[in-house]
Amino acid sequence: MESTDREMLYNAASREGFGFHLTYVGKDLVDSGGTGFETDAMRRFYDYGYEKGHTGSFWVTKLSEVEVAKEAAETAGR
């Protein structure tokens, strides 16, 4: 999702009085590079999402949080 799309959705939600909740797969999840369904890759993906949900870091509610996470990933070289 492009930055302008996120901004448009965030602004529309705010204008209409709705909450904004975004989640994403971070760059810290290593891509296996496969092209089809791979059971091991799907298990890693599931575990990744489960851990994000379990730790409470699943939802981003402000656009500034998206940018902070993006910058942190870039700084870490991901």
Protein backbone atom coordinates (compact mmCIF):
# COMPACT_ATOMS: atom_id res chain seq x y z
CA MET A 1 0.00 0.00 0.00
CA GLU A 2 1.43 3.34 -1.03
CA SER A 3 1.88 6.15 1.47
CA THR A 4 -0.75 8.31 -0.25
CA ASP A 5 -3.29 5.46 -0.05
CA ARG A 6 -2.65 5.11 3.68
CA GLU A 7 -3.01 8.85 4.16
CA MET A 8 -6.27 8.92 2.22
CA LEU A 9 -7.71 6.04 4.26
CA TYR A 10 -6.49 7.52 7.56
CA ASN A 11 -7.97 10.94 6.73
CA ALA A 12 -11.29 9.45 5.62
CA ALA A 13 -11.55 7.36 8.80
CA SER A 14 -10.74 10.39 10.96
CA ARG A 15 -13.20 12.61 9.09
CA GLU A 16 -16.01 10.08 9.49
CA GLY A 17 -15.23 9.36 13.16
CA PHE A 18 -13.89 5.85 12.63
CA GLY A 19 -10.80 4.35 14.20
CA PHE A 20 -7.81 3.51 12.02
CA HIS A 21 -6.16 0.12 12.49
CA LEU A 22 -3.44 -1.12 10.14
CA THR A 23 -1.34 -4.22 10.39
CA TYR A 24 1.40 -5.46 8.12
CA VAL A 25 4.05 -8.08 7.69
CA GLY A 26 7.30 -6.43 8.66
CA LYS A 27 10.62 -6.86 6.94
CA ASP A 28 11.77 -8.88 9.93
CA LEU A 29 9.92 -11.89 8.50
CA VAL A 30 12.39 -13.50 6.14
CA ASP A 31 10.92 -14.48 2.76
CA SER A 32 11.76 -18.03 1.74
CA GLY A 33 11.78 -17.01 -1.92
CA GLY A 34 9.44 -19.84 -2.88
CA THR A 35 6.81 -19.53 -5.57
CA GLY A 36 4.12 -21.91 -4.30
CA PHE A 37 2.56 -23.01 -1.07
CA GLU A 38 5.28 -24.12 1.29
CA THR A 39 4.18 -25.59 4.61
CA ASP A 40 7.27 -24.46 6.51
CA ALA A 41 6.96 -20.91 5.18
CA MET A 42 3.26 -20.79 6.12
CA ARG A 43 4.11 -22.00 9.63
CA ARG A 44 6.69 -19.21 10.02
CA PHE A 45 4.13 -16.72 8.72
CA TYR A 46 1.50 -17.99 11.19
CA ASP A 47 3.98 -17.93 14.09
CA TYR A 48 5.01 -14.40 13.16
CA GLY A 49 1.39 -13.17 13.19
CA TYR A 50 0.62 -15.07 16.38
CA GLU A 51 3.58 -13.48 18.15
CA LYS A 52 2.63 -9.99 16.95
CA GLY A 53 -0.90 -10.54 18.25
CA HIS A 54 0.29 -12.05 21.51
CA THR A 55 2.64 -9.16 22.29
CA GLY A 56 0.05 -6.51 21.44
CA SER A 57 2.08 -5.05 18.59
CA PHE A 58 -0.43 -6.09 15.94
CA TRP A 59 -2.26 -2.82 15.22
CA VAL A 60 -0.86 0.54 14.22
CA THR A 61 -3.40 3.30 14.87
CA LYS A 62 -1.55 6.41 13.70
CA LEU A 63 0.28 7.08 10.46
CA SER A 64 3.29 8.33 12.39
CA GLU A 65 3.66 4.81 13.86
CA VAL A 66 3.89 3.38 10.35
CA GLU A 67 6.69 5.76 9.45
CA VAL A 68 8.59 5.04 12.68
CA ALA A 69 8.41 1.28 12.04
CA LYS A 70 9.48 1.76 8.43
CA GLU A 71 12.48 3.89 9.45
CA ALA A 72 13.48 1.36 12.13
CA ALA A 73 13.44 -1.46 9.57
CA GLU A 74 15.53 0.56 7.14
CA THR A 75 18.03 1.45 9.88
CA ALA A 76 18.33 -2.21 10.80
CA GLY A 77 19.14 -2.95 7.15
CA ARG A 78 15.99 -4.91 6.42
